[in-house]
Amino acid sequence: MRHFDTSHSSAHEGTNHGLKSHSAGVQAMMDVDLSAQTMNTQTNIRVAECEEFIFHDATRTHKKWSNLPTAPYTVTVAEGLINHMMS
């Protein structure tokens, strides 16, 4: 799912905050093809960041804050929910 961190909902404001603030942001003088390539580059970078985060979270089996037997087998969010339900 693509998400460009929209900072406002006004249609006349032009591109949203996520596209403007990126290091390779979409500029007004770009044509449609270059703008699309830039947006795809940004998406690929963000997907790689998310995949890395998910991998590290999924392989983190030692959760010091949980003493439940499910801790080594669940991701952090799931363990937090289980921990909250059990308390």
PDB file of N, CA and C in Angstrom:
ATOM      1  N   MET A   1       0.840  -1.168   0.000  1.00  0.00           N
ATOM      2  CA  MET A   1       0.000   0.000   0.000  1.00  0.00           C
ATOM      3  C   MET A   1       0.887   1.234   0.000  1.00  0.00           C
ATOM      4  N   ARG A   2       0.668   2.125  -0.929  1.00  0.00           N
ATOM      5  CA  ARG A   2       1.464   3.350  -0.975  1.00  0.00           C
ATOM      6  C   ARG A   2       0.873   4.389  -0.037  1.00  0.00           C
ATOM      7  N   HIS A   3       1.752   5.055   0.675  1.00  0.00           N
ATOM      8  CA  HIS A   3       1.333   6.118   1.578  1.00  0.00           C
ATOM      9  C   HIS A   3       2.376   7.210   1.508  1.00  0.00           C
ATOM     10  N   PHE A   4       1.954   8.422   1.173  1.00  0.00           N
ATOM     11  CA  PHE A   4       2.910   9.506   0.978  1.00  0.00           C
ATOM     12  C   PHE A   4       2.852  10.544   2.078  1.00  0.00           C
ATOM     13  N   ASP A   5       2.405  10.168   3.265  1.00  0.00           N
ATOM     14  CA  ASP A   5       2.429  11.052   4.428  1.00  0.00           C
ATOM     15  C   ASP A   5       1.753  12.383   4.116  1.00  0.00           C
ATOM     16  N   THR A   6       0.500  12.350   3.742  1.00  0.00           N
ATOM     17  CA  THR A   6      -0.238  13.555   3.380  1.00  0.00           C
ATOM     18  C   THR A   6      -0.360  14.463   4.582  1.00  0.00           C
ATOM     19  N   SER A   7      -0.003  15.724   4.407  1.00  0.00           N
ATOM     20  CA  SER A   7      -0.034  16.659   5.529  1.00  0.00           C
ATOM     21  C   SER A   7      -1.226  17.596   5.487  1.00  0.00           C
ATOM     22  N   HIS A   8      -2.002  17.577   4.433  1.00  0.00           N
ATOM     23  CA  HIS A   8      -3.187  18.433   4.338  1.00  0.00           C
ATOM     24  C   HIS A   8      -4.158  17.823   3.350  1.00  0.00           C
ATOM     25  N   SER A   9      -5.368  18.338   3.338  1.00  0.00           N
ATOM     26  CA  SER A   9      -6.372  17.771   2.438  1.00  0.00           C
ATOM     27  C   SER A   9      -6.845  18.775   1.387  1.00  0.00           C
ATOM     28  N   SER A  10      -6.147  19.894   1.234  1.00  0.00           N
ATOM     29  CA  SER A  10      -6.544  20.894   0.249  1.00  0.00           C
ATOM     30  C   SER A  10      -6.017  20.513  -1.125  1.00  0.00           C
ATOM     31  N   ALA A  11      -6.920  20.415  -2.082  1.00  0.00           N
ATOM     32  CA  ALA A  11      -6.514  20.002  -3.429  1.00  0.00           C
ATOM     33  C   ALA A  11      -5.631  21.037  -4.112  1.00  0.00           C
ATOM     34  N   HIS A  12      -5.792  22.316  -3.785  1.00  0.00           N
ATOM     35  CA  HIS A  12      -5.024  23.363  -4.458  1.00  0.00           C
ATOM     36  C   HIS A  12      -3.602  23.504  -3.933  1.00  0.00           C
ATOM     37  N   GLU A  13      -3.224  22.749  -2.932  1.00  0.00           N
ATOM     38  CA  GLU A  13      -1.895  22.867  -2.333  1.00  0.00           C
ATOM     39  C   GLU A  13      -0.814  22.181  -3.154  1.00  0.00           C
ATOM     40  N   GLY A  14      -1.164  21.466  -4.192  1.00  0.00           N
ATOM     41  CA  GLY A  14      -0.147  20.796  -5.006  1.00  0.00           C
ATOM     42  C   GLY A  14       0.226  19.457  -4.424  1.00  0.00           C
ATOM     43  N   THR A  15       1.477  19.068  -4.584  1.00  0.00           N
ATOM     44  CA  THR A  15       1.906  17.769  -4.064  1.00  0.00           C
ATOM     45  C   THR A  15       1.888  17.786  -2.548  1.00  0.00           C
ATOM     46  N   ASN A  16       1.778  16.609  -1.963  1.00  0.00           N
ATOM     47  CA  ASN A  16       1.674  16.549  -0.507  1.00  0.00           C
ATOM     48  C   ASN A  16       3.051  16.580   0.166  1.00  0.00           C
ATOM     49  N   HIS A  17       3.020  16.627   1.476  1.00  0.00           N
ATOM     50  CA  HIS A  17       4.238  16.797   2.270  1.00  0.00           C
ATOM     51  C   HIS A  17       5.259  15.687   2.037  1.00  0.00           C
ATOM     52  N   GLY A  18       4.800  14.452   1.935  1.00  0.00           N
ATOM     53  CA  GLY A  18       5.724  13.330   1.745  1.00  0.00           C
ATOM     54  C   GLY A  18       6.536  13.457   0.473  1.00  0.00           C
ATOM     55  N   LEU A  19       5.919  13.943  -0.584  1.00  0.00           N
ATOM     56  CA  LEU A  19       6.645  14.094  -1.843  1.00  0.00           C
ATOM     57  C   LEU A  19       7.546  15.318  -1.825  1.00  0.00           C
ATOM     58  N   LYS A  20       7.145  16.376  -1.128  1.00  0.00           N
ATOM     59  CA  LYS A  20       7.958  17.591  -1.090  1.00  0.00           C
ATOM     60  C   LYS A  20       9.167  17.433  -0.189  1.00  0.00           C
ATOM     61  N   SER A  21       9.013  16.717   0.905  1.00  0.00           N
ATOM     62  CA  SER A  21      10.083  16.673   1.899  1.00  0.00           C
ATOM     63  C   SER A  21      11.121  15.599   1.629  1.00  0.00           C
ATOM     64  N   HIS A  22      10.883  14.717   0.697  1.00  0.00           N
ATOM     65  CA  HIS A  22      11.833  13.653   0.394  1.00  0.00           C
ATOM     66  C   HIS A  22      13.064  14.244  -0.281  1.00  0.00           C
ATOM     67  N   SER A  23      14.182  13.565  -0.169  1.00  0.00           N
ATOM     68  CA  SER A  23      15.420  14.075  -0.758  1.00  0.00           C
ATOM     69  C   SER A  23      15.358  14.104  -2.276  1.00  0.00           C
ATOM     70  N   ALA A  24      14.483  13.282  -2.861  1.00  0.00           N
ATOM     71  CA  ALA A  24      14.291  13.306  -4.308  1.00  0.00           C
ATOM     72  C   ALA A  24      12.838  13.669  -4.584  1.00  0.00           C
ATOM     73  N   GLY A  25      12.418  14.797  -4.079  1.00  0.00           N
ATOM     74  CA  GLY A  25      11.019  15.200  -4.155  1.00  0.00           C
ATOM     75  C   GLY A  25      10.562  15.544  -5.568  1.00  0.00           C
ATOM     76  N   VAL A  26       9.254  15.455  -5.775  1.00  0.00           N
ATOM     77  CA  VAL A  26       8.662  15.825  -7.053  1.00  0.00           C
ATOM     78  C   VAL A  26       8.655  17.343  -7.160  1.00  0.00           C
ATOM     79  N   GLN A  27       9.150  17.852  -8.269  1.00  0.00           N
ATOM     80  CA  GLN A  27       9.235  19.297  -8.484  1.00  0.00           C
ATOM     81  C   GLN A  27       8.219  19.741  -9.532  1.00  0.00           C
ATOM     82  N   ALA A  28       7.848  20.996  -9.518  1.00  0.00           N
ATOM     83  CA  ALA A  28       6.845  21.525 -10.439  1.00  0.00           C
ATOM     84  C   ALA A  28       7.302  21.452 -11.897  1.00  0.00           C
ATOM     85  N   MET A  29       8.609  21.536 -12.151  1.00  0.00           N
ATOM     86  CA  MET A  29       9.089  21.555 -13.534  1.00  0.00           C
ATOM     87  C   MET A  29       9.298  20.159 -14.128  1.00  0.00           C
ATOM     88  N   MET A  30       9.010  19.102 -13.374  1.00  0.00           N
ATOM     89  CA  MET A  30       9.181  17.735 -13.871  1.00  0.00           C
ATOM     90  C   MET A  30       8.009  17.354 -14.763  1.00  0.00           C
ATOM     91  N   ASP A  31       8.307  16.544 -15.780  1.00  0.00           N
ATOM     92  CA  ASP A  31       7.205  16.026 -16.587  1.00  0.00           C
ATOM     93  C   ASP A  31       6.596  14.818 -15.872  1.00  0.00           C
ATOM     94  N   VAL A  32       5.520  14.294 -16.415  1.00  0.00           N
ATOM     95  CA  VAL A  32       4.784  13.219 -15.751  1.00  0.00           C
ATOM     96  C   VAL A  32       5.642  11.962 -15.598  1.00  0.00           C
ATOM     97  N   ASP A  33       6.415  11.617 -16.621  1.00  0.00           N
ATOM     98  CA  ASP A  33       7.244  10.415 -16.547  1.00  0.00           C
ATOM     99  C   ASP A  33       8.291  10.507 -15.448  1.00  0.00           C
ATOM    100  N   LEU A  34       8.974  11.639 -15.371  1.00  0.00           N
ATOM    101  CA  LEU A  34      10.000  11.818 -14.348  1.00  0.00           C
ATOM    102  C   LEU A  34       9.378  11.863 -12.951  1.00  0.00           C
ATOM    103  N   SER A  35       8.222  12.506 -12.837  1.00  0.00           N
ATOM    104  CA  SER A  35       7.530  12.531 -11.548  1.00  0.00           C
ATOM    105  C   SER A  35       7.149  11.122 -11.109  1.00  0.00           C
ATOM    106  N   ALA A  36       6.643  10.313 -12.038  1.00  0.00           N
ATOM    107  CA  ALA A  36       6.270   8.931 -11.716  1.00  0.00           C
ATOM    108  C   ALA A  36       7.496   8.111 -11.322  1.00  0.00           C
ATOM    109  N   GLN A  37       8.609   8.294 -12.032  1.00  0.00           N
ATOM    110  CA  GLN A  37       9.842   7.583 -11.676  1.00  0.00           C
ATOM    111  C   GLN A  37      10.306   7.979 -10.274  1.00  0.00           C
ATOM    112  N   THR A  38      10.215   9.263  -9.970  1.00  0.00           N
ATOM    113  CA  THR A  38      10.627   9.748  -8.654  1.00  0.00           C
ATOM    114  C   THR A  38       9.748   9.164  -7.564  1.00  0.00           C
ATOM    115  N   MET A  39       8.439   9.136  -7.800  1.00  0.00           N
ATOM    116  CA  MET A  39       7.521   8.572  -6.815  1.00  0.00           C
ATOM    117  C   MET A  39       7.774   7.074  -6.630  1.00  0.00           C
ATOM    118  N   ASN A  40       8.082   6.373  -7.701  1.00  0.00           N
ATOM    119  CA  ASN A  40       8.397   4.946  -7.594  1.00  0.00           C
ATOM    120  C   ASN A  40       9.692   4.714  -6.829  1.00  0.00           C
ATOM    121  N   THR A  41      10.679   5.578  -7.042  1.00  0.00           N
ATOM    122  CA  THR A  41      11.938   5.478  -6.292  1.00  0.00           C
ATOM    123  C   THR A  41      11.682   5.667  -4.803  1.00  0.00           C
ATOM    124  N   GLN A  42      10.880   6.679  -4.467  1.00  0.00           N
ATOM    125  CA  GLN A  42      10.540   6.920  -3.067  1.00  0.00           C
ATOM    126  C   GLN A  42       9.817   5.722  -2.467  1.00  0.00           C
ATOM    127  N   THR A  43       8.895   5.143  -3.227  1.00  0.00           N
ATOM    128  CA  THR A  43       8.144   3.986  -2.753  1.00  0.00           C
ATOM    129  C   THR A  43       9.067   2.800  -2.518  1.00  0.00           C
ATOM    130  N   ASN A  44       9.989   2.556  -3.438  1.00  0.00           N
ATOM    131  CA  ASN A  44      10.931   1.440  -3.288  1.00  0.00           C
ATOM    132  C   ASN A  44      11.804   1.610  -2.054  1.00  0.00           C
ATOM    133  N   ILE A  45      12.241   2.833  -1.795  1.00  0.00           N
ATOM    134  CA  ILE A  45      13.062   3.103  -0.606  1.00  0.00           C
ATOM    135  C   ILE A  45      12.249   2.834   0.652  1.00  0.00           C
ATOM    136  N   ARG A  46      11.009   3.306   0.676  1.00  0.00           N
ATOM    137  CA  ARG A  46      10.159   3.124   1.851  1.00  0.00           C
ATOM    138  C   ARG A  46       9.820   1.647   2.062  1.00  0.00           C
ATOM    139  N   VAL A  47       9.563   0.918   0.998  1.00  0.00           N
ATOM    140  CA  VAL A  47       9.264  -0.510   1.108  1.00  0.00           C
ATOM    141  C   VAL A  47      10.466  -1.252   1.684  1.00  0.00           C
ATOM    142  N   ALA A  48      11.658  -0.901   1.226  1.00  0.00           N
ATOM    143  CA  ALA A  48      12.867  -1.544   1.758  1.00  0.00           C
ATOM    144  C   ALA A  48      13.024  -1.257   3.252  1.00  0.00           C
ATOM    145  N   GLU A  49      12.733  -0.025   3.677  1.00  0.00           N
ATOM    146  CA  GLU A  49      12.804   0.325   5.094  1.00  0.00           C
ATOM    147  C   GLU A  49      11.790  -0.485   5.898  1.00  0.00           C
ATOM    148  N   CYS A  50      10.570  -0.609   5.377  1.00  0.00           N
ATOM    149  CA  CYS A  50       9.522  -1.370   6.067  1.00  0.00           C
ATOM    150  C   CYS A  50       9.877  -2.847   6.148  1.00  0.00           C
ATOM    151  N   GLU A  51      10.406  -3.406   5.058  1.00  0.00           N
ATOM    152  CA  GLU A  51      10.800  -4.816   5.065  1.00  0.00           C
ATOM    153  C   GLU A  51      11.893  -5.073   6.097  1.00  0.00           C
ATOM    154  N   GLU A  52      12.838  -4.156   6.209  1.00  0.00           N
ATOM    155  CA  GLU A  52      13.912  -4.312   7.195  1.00  0.00           C
ATOM    156  C   GLU A  52      13.348  -4.272   8.608  1.00  0.00           C
ATOM    157  N   PHE A  53      12.435  -3.335   8.862  1.00  0.00           N
ATOM    158  CA  PHE A  53      11.816  -3.227  10.183  1.00  0.00           C
ATOM    159  C   PHE A  53      11.034  -4.495  10.517  1.00  0.00           C
ATOM    160  N   ILE A  54      10.253  -4.986   9.561  1.00  0.00           N
ATOM    161  CA  ILE A  54       9.450  -6.187   9.786  1.00  0.00           C
ATOM    162  C   ILE A  54      10.354  -7.390  10.047  1.00  0.00           C
ATOM    163  N   PHE A  55      11.434  -7.512   9.280  1.00  0.00           N
ATOM    164  CA  PHE A  55      12.360  -8.633   9.476  1.00  0.00           C
ATOM    165  C   PHE A  55      12.966  -8.599  10.871  1.00  0.00           C
ATOM    166  N   HIS A  56      13.438  -7.417  11.304  1.00  0.00           N
ATOM    167  CA  HIS A  56      14.061  -7.325  12.623  1.00  0.00           C
ATOM    168  C   HIS A  56      13.042  -7.590  13.729  1.00  0.00           C
ATOM    169  N   ASP A  57      11.801  -7.136  13.540  1.00  0.00           N
ATOM    170  CA  ASP A  57      10.782  -7.373  14.555  1.00  0.00           C
ATOM    171  C   ASP A  57      10.398  -8.848  14.611  1.00  0.00           C
ATOM    172  N   ALA A  58      10.330  -9.495  13.459  1.00  0.00           N
ATOM    173  CA  ALA A  58       9.944 -10.904  13.420  1.00  0.00           C
ATOM    174  C   ALA A  58      11.029 -11.821  13.983  1.00  0.00           C
ATOM    175  N   THR A  59      12.284 -11.406  13.884  1.00  0.00           N
ATOM    176  CA  THR A  59      13.375 -12.246  14.386  1.00  0.00           C
ATOM    177  C   THR A  59      13.771 -11.907  15.822  1.00  0.00           C
ATOM    178  N   ARG A  60      13.130 -10.912  16.403  1.00  0.00           N
ATOM    179  CA  ARG A  60      13.419 -10.537  17.795  1.00  0.00           C
ATOM    180  C   ARG A  60      12.613 -11.457  18.705  1.00  0.00           C
ATOM    181  N   THR A  61      13.255 -12.473  19.240  1.00  0.00           N
ATOM    182  CA  THR A  61      12.541 -13.456  20.050  1.00  0.00           C
ATOM    183  C   THR A  61      12.634 -13.171  21.542  1.00  0.00           C
ATOM    184  N   HIS A  62      13.573 -12.353  21.960  1.00  0.00           N
ATOM    185  CA  HIS A  62      13.746 -12.080  23.388  1.00  0.00           C
ATOM    186  C   HIS A  62      13.085 -10.750  23.730  1.00  0.00           C
ATOM    187  N   LYS A  63      11.964 -10.831  24.412  1.00  0.00           N
ATOM    188  CA  LYS A  63      11.241  -9.632  24.840  1.00  0.00           C
ATOM    189  C   LYS A  63      11.315  -9.567  26.365  1.00  0.00           C
ATOM    190  N   LYS A  64      12.176  -8.715  26.875  1.00  0.00           N
ATOM    191  CA  LYS A  64      12.408  -8.640  28.313  1.00  0.00           C
ATOM    192  C   LYS A  64      11.170  -8.219  29.089  1.00  0.00           C
ATOM    193  N   TRP A  65      10.287  -7.475  28.438  1.00  0.00           N
ATOM    194  CA  TRP A  65       9.121  -6.929  29.127  1.00  0.00           C
ATOM    195  C   TRP A  65       7.974  -7.925  29.236  1.00  0.00           C
ATOM    196  N   SER A  66       8.069  -9.079  28.605  1.00  0.00           N
ATOM    197  CA  SER A  66       7.003 -10.074  28.647  1.00  0.00           C
ATOM    198  C   SER A  66       7.528 -11.378  29.214  1.00  0.00           C
ATOM    199  N   ASN A  67       6.775 -11.940  30.162  1.00  0.00           N
ATOM    200  CA  ASN A  67       7.164 -13.229  30.726  1.00  0.00           C
ATOM    201  C   ASN A  67       6.227 -14.348  30.282  1.00  0.00           C
ATOM    202  N   LEU A  68       5.440 -14.102  29.253  1.00  0.00           N
ATOM    203  CA  LEU A  68       4.522 -15.113  28.734  1.00  0.00           C
ATOM    204  C   LEU A  68       5.283 -16.118  27.864  1.00  0.00           C
ATOM    205  N   PRO A  69       4.796 -17.336  27.777  1.00  0.00           N
ATOM    206  CA  PRO A  69       5.477 -18.340  26.953  1.00  0.00           C
ATOM    207  C   PRO A  69       5.344 -18.082  25.451  1.00  0.00           C
ATOM    208  N   THR A  70       4.472 -17.160  25.072  1.00  0.00           N
ATOM    209  CA  THR A  70       4.296 -16.845  23.650  1.00  0.00           C
ATOM    210  C   THR A  70       5.339 -15.857  23.135  1.00  0.00           C
ATOM    211  N   ALA A  71       6.094 -15.223  23.999  1.00  0.00           N
ATOM    212  CA  ALA A  71       7.020 -14.156  23.615  1.00  0.00           C
ATOM    213  C   ALA A  71       8.008 -14.528  22.512  1.00  0.00           C
ATOM    214  N   PRO A  72       8.626 -15.703  22.538  1.00  0.00           N
ATOM    215  CA  PRO A  72       9.584 -16.014  21.462  1.00  0.00           C
ATOM    216  C   PRO A  72       8.940 -16.293  20.113  1.00  0.00           C
ATOM    217  N   TYR A  73       7.630 -16.486  20.093  1.00  0.00           N
ATOM    218  CA  TYR A  73       6.964 -16.917  18.868  1.00  0.00           C
ATOM    219  C   TYR A  73       6.098 -15.849  18.208  1.00  0.00           C
ATOM    220  N   THR A  74       5.987 -14.685  18.815  1.00  0.00           N
ATOM    221  CA  THR A  74       5.118 -13.640  18.275  1.00  0.00           C
ATOM    222  C   THR A  74       5.909 -12.371  17.996  1.00  0.00           C
ATOM    223  N   VAL A  75       5.355 -11.526  17.111  1.00  0.00           N
ATOM    224  CA  VAL A  75       5.961 -10.220  16.864  1.00  0.00           C
ATOM    225  C   VAL A  75       5.603  -9.301  18.024  1.00  0.00           C
ATOM    226  N   THR A  76       6.272  -8.177  18.117  1.00  0.00           N
ATOM    227  CA  THR A  76       6.138  -7.287  19.260  1.00  0.00           C
ATOM    228  C   THR A  76       4.710  -6.795  19.464  1.00  0.00           C
ATOM    229  N   VAL A  77       4.041  -6.393  18.395  1.00  0.00           N
ATOM    230  CA  VAL A  77       2.670  -5.878  18.525  1.00  0.00           C
ATOM    231  C   VAL A  77       1.743  -6.965  19.038  1.00  0.00           C
ATOM    232  N   ALA A  78       1.839  -8.165  18.478  1.00  0.00           N
ATOM    233  CA  ALA A  78       0.987  -9.266  18.922  1.00  0.00           C
ATOM    234  C   ALA A  78       1.261  -9.628  20.374  1.00  0.00           C
ATOM    235  N   GLU A  79       2.523  -9.643  20.753  1.00  0.00           N
ATOM    236  CA  GLU A  79       2.862  -9.964  22.141  1.00  0.00           C
ATOM    237  C   GLU A  79       2.340  -8.898  23.087  1.00  0.00           C
ATOM    238  N   GLY A  80       2.390  -7.642  22.652  1.00  0.00           N
ATOM    239  CA  GLY A  80       1.836  -6.571  23.484  1.00  0.00           C
ATOM    240  C   GLY A  80       0.342  -6.736  23.692  1.00  0.00           C
ATOM    241  N   LEU A  81      -0.377  -7.122  22.636  1.00  0.00           N
ATOM    242  CA  LEU A  81      -1.818  -7.344  22.763  1.00  0.00           C
ATOM    243  C   LEU A  81      -2.121  -8.523  23.684  1.00  0.00           C
ATOM    244  N   ILE A  82      -1.384  -9.607  23.501  1.00  0.00           N
ATOM    245  CA  ILE A  82      -1.580 -10.785  24.357  1.00  0.00           C
ATOM    246  C   ILE A  82      -1.264 -10.440  25.807  1.00  0.00           C
ATOM    247  N   ASN A  83      -0.188  -9.718  26.019  1.00  0.00           N
ATOM    248  CA  ASN A  83       0.225  -9.326  27.353  1.00  0.00           C
ATOM    249  C   ASN A  83      -0.843  -8.453  28.020  1.00  0.00           C
ATOM    250  N   HIS A  84      -1.408  -7.529  27.251  1.00  0.00           N
ATOM    251  CA  HIS A  84      -2.450  -6.644  27.780  1.00  0.00           C
ATOM    252  C   HIS A  84      -3.704  -7.443  28.130  1.00  0.00           C
ATOM    253  N   MET A  85      -4.081  -8.381  27.266  1.00  0.00           N
ATOM    254  CA  MET A  85      -5.282  -9.186  27.530  1.00  0.00           C
ATOM    255  C   MET A  85      -5.091 -10.080  28.762  1.00  0.00           C
ATOM    256  N   MET A  86      -3.879 -10.580  28.972  1.00  0.00           N
ATOM    257  CA  MET A  86      -3.638 -11.469  30.098  1.00  0.00           C
ATOM    258  C   MET A  86      -3.516 -10.720  31.422  1.00  0.00           C
ATOM    259  N   SER A  87      -3.223  -9.431  31.375  1.00  0.00           N
ATOM    260  CA  SER A  87      -3.058  -8.679  32.644  1.00  0.00           C
ATOM    261  C   SER A  87      -4.383  -8.188  33.196  1.00  0.00           C
TER     262      SER A  87
END
